[in-house]
Amino acid sequence: DYFTVLVPIDWATAAATVVAWLLIGWIIEHPTAKR
């Protein structure tokens, strides 16, 4: 019940933030040779 207090968009946005954190780190550390 505690966890259902947050609406799905809250969980989706939080998950997207974590994914964005991991993704930008990977892009920075594994860029293309041209850039």
PDB file of all heavy atoms in Angstrom:
ATOM      1  N   ASP A   1       0.831  -1.212   0.000  1.00  0.00           N
ATOM      2  CA  ASP A   1       0.000   0.000   0.000  1.00  0.00           C
ATOM      3  C   ASP A   1       0.862   1.259   0.000  1.00  0.00           C
ATOM      4  O   ASP A   1       0.535   2.261  -0.628  1.00  0.00           O
ATOM      5  CB  ASP A   1      -0.928   0.011   1.232  1.00  0.00           C
ATOM      6  CG  ASP A   1      -1.983  -1.088   1.151  1.00  0.00           C
ATOM      7  OD1 ASP A   1      -2.365  -1.430   0.027  1.00  0.00           O
ATOM      8  OD2 ASP A   1      -2.393  -1.599   2.211  1.00  0.00           O
ATOM      9  N   TYR A   2       1.980   1.188   0.710  1.00  0.00           N
ATOM     10  CA  TYR A   2       2.895   2.334   0.735  1.00  0.00           C
ATOM     11  C   TYR A   2       3.407   2.655  -0.664  1.00  0.00           C
ATOM     12  O   TYR A   2       3.475   3.799  -1.079  1.00  0.00           O
ATOM     13  CB  TYR A   2       4.075   2.043   1.660  1.00  0.00           C
ATOM     14  CG  TYR A   2       3.774   2.263   3.120  1.00  0.00           C
ATOM     15  CD1 TYR A   2       3.916   1.225   4.037  1.00  0.00           C
ATOM     16  CD2 TYR A   2       3.376   3.512   3.577  1.00  0.00           C
ATOM     17  CE1 TYR A   2       3.653   1.427   5.384  1.00  0.00           C
ATOM     18  CE2 TYR A   2       3.108   3.719   4.923  1.00  0.00           C
ATOM     19  CZ  TYR A   2       3.247   2.675   5.819  1.00  0.00           C
ATOM     20  OH  TYR A   2       2.980   2.879   7.148  1.00  0.00           O
ATOM     21  N   PHE A   3       3.803   1.608  -1.386  1.00  0.00           N
ATOM     22  CA  PHE A   3       4.374   1.813  -2.713  1.00  0.00           C
ATOM     23  C   PHE A   3       3.324   2.241  -3.736  1.00  0.00           C
ATOM     24  O   PHE A   3       3.659   2.860  -4.733  1.00  0.00           O
ATOM     25  CB  PHE A   3       5.084   0.535  -3.190  1.00  0.00           C
ATOM     26  CG  PHE A   3       6.437   0.361  -2.585  1.00  0.00           C
ATOM     27  CD1 PHE A   3       6.622  -0.411  -1.447  1.00  0.00           C
ATOM     28  CD2 PHE A   3       7.546   0.980  -3.138  1.00  0.00           C
ATOM     29  CE1 PHE A   3       7.882  -0.567  -0.893  1.00  0.00           C
ATOM     30  CE2 PHE A   3       8.803   0.840  -2.586  1.00  0.00           C
ATOM     31  CZ  PHE A   3       8.974   0.059  -1.455  1.00  0.00           C
ATOM     32  N   THR A   4       2.066   1.894  -3.499  1.00  0.00           N
ATOM     33  CA  THR A   4       1.021   2.290  -4.445  1.00  0.00           C
ATOM     34  C   THR A   4       0.575   3.737  -4.229  1.00  0.00           C
ATOM     35  O   THR A   4      -0.272   4.242  -4.966  1.00  0.00           O
ATOM     36  CB  THR A   4      -0.196   1.354  -4.309  1.00  0.00           C
ATOM     37  OG1 THR A   4      -0.632   1.324  -2.943  1.00  0.00           O
ATOM     38  CG2 THR A   4       0.151  -0.056  -4.763  1.00  0.00           C
ATOM     39  N   VAL A   5       1.139   4.391  -3.199  1.00  0.00           N
ATOM     40  CA  VAL A   5       0.815   5.803  -2.992  1.00  0.00           C
ATOM     41  C   VAL A   5       1.292   6.627  -4.176  1.00  0.00           C
ATOM     42  O   VAL A   5       0.645   7.583  -4.605  1.00  0.00           O
ATOM     43  CB  VAL A   5       1.454   6.310  -1.682  1.00  0.00           C
ATOM     44  CG1 VAL A   5       1.336   7.827  -1.578  1.00  0.00           C
ATOM     45  CG2 VAL A   5       0.791   5.650  -0.481  1.00  0.00           C
ATOM     46  N   LEU A   6       2.440   6.232  -4.758  1.00  0.00           N
ATOM     47  CA  LEU A   6       2.966   6.924  -5.932  1.00  0.00           C
ATOM     48  C   LEU A   6       2.247   6.429  -7.178  1.00  0.00           C
ATOM     49  O   LEU A   6       1.986   5.233  -7.325  1.00  0.00           O
ATOM     50  CB  LEU A   6       4.474   6.679  -6.075  1.00  0.00           C
ATOM     51  CG  LEU A   6       5.363   7.305  -4.996  1.00  0.00           C
ATOM     52  CD1 LEU A   6       6.812   6.906  -5.225  1.00  0.00           C
ATOM     53  CD2 LEU A   6       5.236   8.822  -5.008  1.00  0.00           C
ATOM     54  N   VAL A   7       1.958   7.342  -8.084  1.00  0.00           N
ATOM     55  CA  VAL A   7       1.283   6.982  -9.325  1.00  0.00           C
ATOM     56  C   VAL A   7       2.304   6.388 -10.295  1.00  0.00           C
ATOM     57  O   VAL A   7       3.517   6.602 -10.135  1.00  0.00           O
ATOM     58  CB  VAL A   7       0.596   8.219  -9.951  1.00  0.00           C
ATOM     59  CG1 VAL A   7      -0.503   8.712  -9.039  1.00  0.00           C
ATOM     60  CG2 VAL A   7       1.603   9.327 -10.204  1.00  0.00           C
ATOM     61  N   PRO A   8       1.846   5.659 -11.317  1.00  0.00           N
ATOM     62  CA  PRO A   8       2.783   5.038 -12.267  1.00  0.00           C
ATOM     63  C   PRO A   8       3.760   6.006 -12.919  1.00  0.00           C
ATOM     64  O   PRO A   8       4.907   5.652 -13.168  1.00  0.00           O
ATOM     65  CB  PRO A   8       1.835   4.421 -13.306  1.00  0.00           C
ATOM     66  CG  PRO A   8       0.594   4.109 -12.530  1.00  0.00           C
ATOM     67  CD  PRO A   8       0.457   5.218 -11.546  1.00  0.00           C
ATOM     68  N   ILE A   9       3.323   7.244 -13.176  1.00  0.00           N
ATOM     69  CA  ILE A   9       4.231   8.199 -13.824  1.00  0.00           C
ATOM     70  C   ILE A   9       5.422   8.526 -12.914  1.00  0.00           C
ATOM     71  O   ILE A   9       6.529   8.815 -13.393  1.00  0.00           O
ATOM     72  CB  ILE A   9       3.486   9.485 -14.231  1.00  0.00           C
ATOM     73  CG1 ILE A   9       4.383  10.352 -15.129  1.00  0.00           C
ATOM     74  CG2 ILE A   9       3.026  10.254 -13.011  1.00  0.00           C
ATOM     75  CD1 ILE A   9       3.688  11.572 -15.685  1.00  0.00           C
ATOM     76  N   ASP A  10       5.212   8.469 -11.609  1.00  0.00           N
ATOM     77  CA  ASP A  10       6.317   8.686 -10.677  1.00  0.00           C
ATOM     78  C   ASP A  10       7.366   7.600 -10.835  1.00  0.00           C
ATOM     79  O   ASP A  10       8.565   7.885 -10.950  1.00  0.00           O
ATOM     80  CB  ASP A  10       5.788   8.692  -9.227  1.00  0.00           C
ATOM     81  CG  ASP A  10       5.296  10.059  -8.793  1.00  0.00           C
ATOM     82  OD1 ASP A  10       6.112  10.993  -8.783  1.00  0.00           O
ATOM     83  OD2 ASP A  10       4.101  10.194  -8.470  1.00  0.00           O
ATOM     84  N   TRP A  11       6.922   6.358 -10.837  1.00  0.00           N
ATOM     85  CA  TRP A  11       7.851   5.238 -10.973  1.00  0.00           C
ATOM     86  C   TRP A  11       8.532   5.253 -12.341  1.00  0.00           C
ATOM     87  O   TRP A  11       9.740   4.997 -12.452  1.00  0.00           O
ATOM     88  CB  TRP A  11       7.118   3.909 -10.778  1.00  0.00           C
ATOM     89  CG  TRP A  11       6.617   3.712  -9.390  1.00  0.00           C
ATOM     90  CD1 TRP A  11       5.322   3.690  -8.970  1.00  0.00           C
ATOM     91  CD2 TRP A  11       7.413   3.534  -8.215  1.00  0.00           C
ATOM     92  NE1 TRP A  11       5.243   3.507  -7.621  1.00  0.00           N
ATOM     93  CE2 TRP A  11       6.517   3.392  -7.124  1.00  0.00           C
ATOM     94  CE3 TRP A  11       8.772   3.464  -7.966  1.00  0.00           C
ATOM     95  CZ2 TRP A  11       6.958   3.189  -5.813  1.00  0.00           C
ATOM     96  CZ3 TRP A  11       9.217   3.263  -6.657  1.00  0.00           C
ATOM     97  CH2 TRP A  11       8.318   3.125  -5.611  1.00  0.00           C
ATOM     98  N   ALA A  12       7.761   5.577 -13.377  1.00  0.00           N
ATOM     99  CA  ALA A  12       8.323   5.598 -14.726  1.00  0.00           C
ATOM    100  C   ALA A  12       9.389   6.687 -14.855  1.00  0.00           C
ATOM    101  O   ALA A  12      10.460   6.465 -15.455  1.00  0.00           O
ATOM    102  CB  ALA A  12       7.216   5.818 -15.754  1.00  0.00           C
ATOM    103  N   THR A  13       9.120   7.848 -14.287  1.00  0.00           N
ATOM    104  CA  THR A  13      10.071   8.955 -14.371  1.00  0.00           C
ATOM    105  C   THR A  13      11.335   8.659 -13.568  1.00  0.00           C
ATOM    106  O   THR A  13      12.448   8.950 -14.012  1.00  0.00           O
ATOM    107  CB  THR A  13       9.424  10.256 -13.857  1.00  0.00           C
ATOM    108  OG1 THR A  13       8.182  10.474 -14.529  1.00  0.00           O
ATOM    109  CG2 THR A  13      10.340  11.435 -14.115  1.00  0.00           C
ATOM    110  N   ALA A  14      11.154   8.062 -12.391  1.00  0.00           N
ATOM    111  CA  ALA A  14      12.317   7.703 -11.571  1.00  0.00           C
ATOM    112  C   ALA A  14      13.180   6.668 -12.287  1.00  0.00           C
ATOM    113  O   ALA A  14      14.419   6.766 -12.302  1.00  0.00           O
ATOM    114  CB  ALA A  14      11.857   7.174 -10.216  1.00  0.00           C
ATOM    115  N   ALA A  15      12.508   5.674 -12.895  1.00  0.00           N
ATOM    116  CA  ALA A  15      13.250   4.643 -13.634  1.00  0.00           C
ATOM    117  C   ALA A  15      13.970   5.259 -14.832  1.00  0.00           C
ATOM    118  O   ALA A  15      15.125   4.915 -15.134  1.00  0.00           O
ATOM    119  CB  ALA A  15      12.298   3.548 -14.096  1.00  0.00           C
ATOM    120  N   ALA A  16      13.295   6.197 -15.516  1.00  0.00           N
ATOM    121  CA  ALA A  16      13.908   6.857 -16.671  1.00  0.00           C
ATOM    122  C   ALA A  16      15.128   7.664 -16.249  1.00  0.00           C
ATOM    123  O   ALA A  16      16.128   7.737 -16.988  1.00  0.00           O
ATOM    124  CB  ALA A  16      12.893   7.762 -17.351  1.00  0.00           C
ATOM    125  N   THR A  17      15.087   8.252 -15.057  1.00  0.00           N
ATOM    126  CA  THR A  17      16.232   9.023 -14.556  1.00  0.00           C
ATOM    127  C   THR A  17      17.438   8.110 -14.331  1.00  0.00           C
ATOM    128  O   THR A  17      18.575   8.456 -14.693  1.00  0.00           O
ATOM    129  CB  THR A  17      15.867   9.730 -13.242  1.00  0.00           C
ATOM    130  OG1 THR A  17      14.789  10.635 -13.486  1.00  0.00           O
ATOM    131  CG2 THR A  17      17.048  10.486 -12.673  1.00  0.00           C
ATOM    132  N   VAL A  18      17.196   6.953 -13.731  1.00  0.00           N
ATOM    133  CA  VAL A  18      18.291   5.997 -13.501  1.00  0.00           C
ATOM    134  C   VAL A  18      18.861   5.494 -14.829  1.00  0.00           C
ATOM    135  O   VAL A  18      20.078   5.406 -15.009  1.00  0.00           O
ATOM    136  CB  VAL A  18      17.804   4.817 -12.633  1.00  0.00           C
ATOM    137  CG1 VAL A  18      18.900   3.760 -12.498  1.00  0.00           C
ATOM    138  CG2 VAL A  18      17.375   5.301 -11.252  1.00  0.00           C
ATOM    139  N   VAL A  19      17.969   5.203 -15.779  1.00  0.00           N
ATOM    140  CA  VAL A  19      18.425   4.751 -17.098  1.00  0.00           C
ATOM    141  C   VAL A  19      19.227   5.851 -17.797  1.00  0.00           C
ATOM    142  O   VAL A  19      20.267   5.588 -18.414  1.00  0.00           O
ATOM    143  CB  VAL A  19      17.216   4.325 -17.969  1.00  0.00           C
ATOM    144  CG1 VAL A  19      17.654   4.074 -19.412  1.00  0.00           C
ATOM    145  CG2 VAL A  19      16.564   3.082 -17.391  1.00  0.00           C
ATOM    146  N   ALA A  20      18.761   7.091 -17.682  1.00  0.00           N
ATOM    147  CA  ALA A  20      19.472   8.223 -18.290  1.00  0.00           C
ATOM    148  C   ALA A  20      20.858   8.374 -17.693  1.00  0.00           C
ATOM    149  O   ALA A  20      21.836   8.654 -18.404  1.00  0.00           O
ATOM    150  CB  ALA A  20      18.667   9.502 -18.095  1.00  0.00           C
ATOM    151  N   TRP A  21      20.965   8.188 -16.397  1.00  0.00           N
ATOM    152  CA  TRP A  21      22.265   8.247 -15.709  1.00  0.00           C
ATOM    153  C   TRP A  21      23.227   7.193 -16.256  1.00  0.00           C
ATOM    154  O   TRP A  21      24.383   7.495 -16.568  1.00  0.00           O
ATOM    155  CB  TRP A  21      22.014   8.060 -14.214  1.00  0.00           C
ATOM    156  CG  TRP A  21      23.232   7.788 -13.385  1.00  0.00           C
ATOM    157  CD1 TRP A  21      24.407   8.480 -13.376  1.00  0.00           C
ATOM    158  CD2 TRP A  21      23.369   6.744 -12.418  1.00  0.00           C
ATOM    159  NE1 TRP A  21      25.272   7.937 -12.458  1.00  0.00           N
ATOM    160  CE2 TRP A  21      24.657   6.865 -11.849  1.00  0.00           C
ATOM    161  CE3 TRP A  21      22.522   5.727 -11.968  1.00  0.00           C
ATOM    162  CZ2 TRP A  21      25.117   6.009 -10.855  1.00  0.00           C
ATOM    163  CZ3 TRP A  21      22.986   4.883 -10.978  1.00  0.00           C
ATOM    164  CH2 TRP A  21      24.266   5.019 -10.433  1.00  0.00           C
ATOM    165  N   LEU A  22      22.744   5.971 -16.377  1.00  0.00           N
ATOM    166  CA  LEU A  22      23.585   4.889 -16.898  1.00  0.00           C
ATOM    167  C   LEU A  22      23.914   5.110 -18.373  1.00  0.00           C
ATOM    168  O   LEU A  22      25.049   4.863 -18.816  1.00  0.00           O
ATOM    169  CB  LEU A  22      22.878   3.546 -16.710  1.00  0.00           C
ATOM    170  CG  LEU A  22      22.599   3.130 -15.257  1.00  0.00           C
ATOM    171  CD1 LEU A  22      21.751   1.858 -15.237  1.00  0.00           C
ATOM    172  CD2 LEU A  22      23.900   2.918 -14.487  1.00  0.00           C
ATOM    173  N   LEU A  23      22.940   5.592 -19.133  1.00  0.00           N
ATOM    174  CA  LEU A  23      23.122   5.758 -20.574  1.00  0.00           C
ATOM    175  C   LEU A  23      24.129   6.860 -20.895  1.00  0.00           C
ATOM    176  O   LEU A  23      25.024   6.663 -21.725  1.00  0.00           O
ATOM    177  CB  LEU A  23      21.780   6.069 -21.238  1.00  0.00           C
ATOM    178  CG  LEU A  23      21.798   6.206 -22.765  1.00  0.00           C
ATOM    179  CD1 LEU A  23      22.257   4.911 -23.415  1.00  0.00           C
ATOM    180  CD2 LEU A  23      20.417   6.587 -23.276  1.00  0.00           C
ATOM    181  N   ILE A  24      24.019   8.003 -20.241  1.00  0.00           N
ATOM    182  CA  ILE A  24      24.946   9.100 -20.538  1.00  0.00           C
ATOM    183  C   ILE A  24      26.361   8.725 -20.129  1.00  0.00           C
ATOM    184  O   ILE A  24      27.335   9.114 -20.784  1.00  0.00           O
ATOM    185  CB  ILE A  24      24.488  10.411 -19.834  1.00  0.00           C
ATOM    186  CG1 ILE A  24      25.298  11.610 -20.367  1.00  0.00           C
ATOM    187  CG2 ILE A  24      24.634  10.296 -18.335  1.00  0.00           C
ATOM    188  CD1 ILE A  24      25.092  11.916 -21.804  1.00  0.00           C
ATOM    189  N   GLY A  25      26.487   7.944 -19.068  1.00  0.00           N
ATOM    190  CA  GLY A  25      27.811   7.473 -18.670  1.00  0.00           C
ATOM    191  C   GLY A  25      28.426   6.578 -19.725  1.00  0.00           C
ATOM    192  O   GLY A  25      29.617   6.692 -20.045  1.00  0.00           O
ATOM    193  N   TRP A  26      27.609   5.686 -20.289  1.00  0.00           N
ATOM    194  CA  TRP A  26      28.109   4.777 -21.328  1.00  0.00           C
ATOM    195  C   TRP A  26      28.484   5.553 -22.592  1.00  0.00           C
ATOM    196  O   TRP A  26      29.517   5.279 -23.217  1.00  0.00           O
ATOM    197  CB  TRP A  26      27.042   3.733 -21.660  1.00  0.00           C
ATOM    198  CG  TRP A  26      27.575   2.618 -22.510  1.00  0.00           C
ATOM    199  CD1 TRP A  26      28.126   1.445 -22.087  1.00  0.00           C
ATOM    200  CD2 TRP A  26      27.615   2.588 -23.943  1.00  0.00           C
ATOM    201  NE1 TRP A  26      28.512   0.678 -23.163  1.00  0.00           N
ATOM    202  CE2 TRP A  26      28.204   1.348 -24.318  1.00  0.00           C
ATOM    203  CE3 TRP A  26      27.208   3.456 -24.946  1.00  0.00           C
ATOM    204  CZ2 TRP A  26      28.386   0.986 -25.643  1.00  0.00           C
ATOM    205  CZ3 TRP A  26      27.393   3.104 -26.268  1.00  0.00           C
ATOM    206  CH2 TRP A  26      27.983   1.872 -26.608  1.00  0.00           C
ATOM    207  N   ILE A  27      27.673   6.529 -22.957  1.00  0.00           N
ATOM    208  CA  ILE A  27      27.950   7.327 -24.160  1.00  0.00           C
ATOM    209  C   ILE A  27      29.256   8.117 -23.996  1.00  0.00           C
ATOM    210  O   ILE A  27      30.067   8.201 -24.921  1.00  0.00           O
ATOM    211  CB  ILE A  27      26.777   8.284 -24.450  1.00  0.00           C
ATOM    212  CG1 ILE A  27      25.546   7.490 -24.886  1.00  0.00           C
ATOM    213  CG2 ILE A  27      27.154   9.299 -25.528  1.00  0.00           C
ATOM    214  CD1 ILE A  27      24.295   8.331 -25.047  1.00  0.00           C
ATOM    215  N   ILE A  28      29.459   8.686 -22.824  1.00  0.00           N
ATOM    216  CA  ILE A  28      30.672   9.473 -22.575  1.00  0.00           C
ATOM    217  C   ILE A  28      31.915   8.597 -22.597  1.00  0.00           C
ATOM    218  O   ILE A  28      32.957   8.989 -23.136  1.00  0.00           O
ATOM    219  CB  ILE A  28      30.552  10.210 -21.219  1.00  0.00           C
ATOM    220  CG1 ILE A  28      29.518  11.335 -21.327  1.00  0.00           C
ATOM    221  CG2 ILE A  28      31.903  10.768 -20.778  1.00  0.00           C
ATOM    222  CD1 ILE A  28      29.186  11.992 -20.005  1.00  0.00           C
ATOM    223  N   GLU A  29      31.807   7.405 -22.042  1.00  0.00           N
ATOM    224  CA  GLU A  29      32.972   6.528 -21.957  1.00  0.00           C
ATOM    225  C   GLU A  29      33.186   5.673 -23.203  1.00  0.00           C
ATOM    226  O   GLU A  29      34.262   5.112 -23.389  1.00  0.00           O
ATOM    227  CB  GLU A  29      32.840   5.621 -20.728  1.00  0.00           C
ATOM    228  CG  GLU A  29      32.882   6.387 -19.412  1.00  0.00           C
ATOM    229  CD  GLU A  29      32.647   5.505 -18.205  1.00  0.00           C
ATOM    230  OE1 GLU A  29      32.661   4.253 -18.372  1.00  0.00           O
ATOM    231  OE2 GLU A  29      32.440   6.038 -17.099  1.00  0.00           O
ATOM    232  N   HIS A  30      32.162   5.595 -24.070  1.00  0.00           N
ATOM    233  CA  HIS A  30      32.281   4.815 -25.312  1.00  0.00           C
ATOM    234  C   HIS A  30      31.781   5.628 -26.511  1.00  0.00           C
ATOM    235  O   HIS A  30      30.844   5.204 -27.203  1.00  0.00           O
ATOM    236  CB  HIS A  30      31.486   3.511 -25.205  1.00  0.00           C
ATOM    237  CG  HIS A  30      31.909   2.644 -24.056  1.00  0.00           C
ATOM    238  ND1 HIS A  30      31.404   2.805 -22.776  1.00  0.00           N
ATOM    239  CD2 HIS A  30      32.793   1.609 -23.989  1.00  0.00           C
ATOM    240  CE1 HIS A  30      31.949   1.901 -21.987  1.00  0.00           C
ATOM    241  NE2 HIS A  30      32.796   1.174 -22.679  1.00  0.00           N
ATOM    242  N   PRO A  31      32.378   6.788 -26.758  1.00  0.00           N
ATOM    243  CA  PRO A  31      31.923   7.602 -27.886  1.00  0.00           C
ATOM    244  C   PRO A  31      32.430   7.037 -29.208  1.00  0.00           C
ATOM    245  O   PRO A  31      33.277   6.137 -29.235  1.00  0.00           O
ATOM    246  CB  PRO A  31      32.566   8.968 -27.593  1.00  0.00           C
ATOM    247  CG  PRO A  31      33.838   8.612 -26.896  1.00  0.00           C
ATOM    248  CD  PRO A  31      33.514   7.404 -26.051  1.00  0.00           C
ATOM    249  N   THR A  32      31.914   7.576 -30.291  1.00  0.00           N
ATOM    250  CA  THR A  32      32.402   7.164 -31.605  1.00  0.00           C
ATOM    251  C   THR A  32      33.785   7.769 -31.843  1.00  0.00           C
ATOM    252  O   THR A  32      34.158   8.773 -31.236  1.00  0.00           O
ATOM    253  CB  THR A  32      31.442   7.639 -32.706  1.00  0.00           C
ATOM    254  OG1 THR A  32      31.367   9.073 -32.686  1.00  0.00           O
ATOM    255  CG2 THR A  32      30.043   7.058 -32.489  1.00  0.00           C
ATOM    256  N   ALA A  33      34.529   7.154 -32.748  1.00  0.00           N
ATOM    257  CA  ALA A  33      35.882   7.644 -33.038  1.00  0.00           C
ATOM    258  C   ALA A  33      35.852   9.042 -33.655  1.00  0.00           C
ATOM    259  O   ALA A  33      36.781   9.832 -33.471  1.00  0.00           O
ATOM    260  CB  ALA A  33      36.589   6.669 -33.969  1.00  0.00           C
ATOM    261  N   LYS A  34      34.780   9.357 -34.385  1.00  0.00           N
ATOM    262  CA  LYS A  34      34.685  10.661 -35.040  1.00  0.00           C
ATOM    263  C   LYS A  34      34.331  11.787 -34.069  1.00  0.00           C
ATOM    264  O   LYS A  34      34.575  12.956 -34.367  1.00  0.00           O
ATOM    265  CB  LYS A  34      33.644  10.595 -36.162  1.00  0.00           C
ATOM    266  CG  LYS A  34      34.043   9.698 -37.337  1.00  0.00           C
ATOM    267  CD  LYS A  34      32.989   9.739 -38.417  1.00  0.00           C
ATOM    268  CE  LYS A  34      33.389   8.877 -39.613  1.00  0.00           C
ATOM    269  NZ  LYS A  34      32.354   8.905 -40.686  1.00  0.00           N
ATOM    270  N   ARG A  35      33.730  11.453 -32.935  1.00  0.00           N
ATOM    271  CA  ARG A  35      33.322  12.477 -31.971  1.00  0.00           C
ATOM    272  C   ARG A  35      33.687  12.029 -30.558  1.00  0.00           C
ATOM    273  O   ARG A  35      32.824  11.646 -29.762  1.00  0.00           O
ATOM    274  CB  ARG A  35      31.827  12.755 -32.082  1.00  0.00           C
ATOM    275  CG  ARG A  35      31.378  14.026 -31.364  1.00  0.00           C
ATOM    276  CD  ARG A  35      29.916  14.316 -31.604  1.00  0.00           C
ATOM    277  NE  ARG A  35      29.499  15.549 -30.947  1.00  0.00           N
ATOM    278  CZ  ARG A  35      29.674  16.772 -31.438  1.00  0.00           C
ATOM    279  NH1 ARG A  35      30.268  16.913 -32.608  1.00  0.00           N
ATOM    280  NH2 ARG A  35      29.268  17.844 -30.789  1.00  0.00           N
TER     281      ARG A  35
END
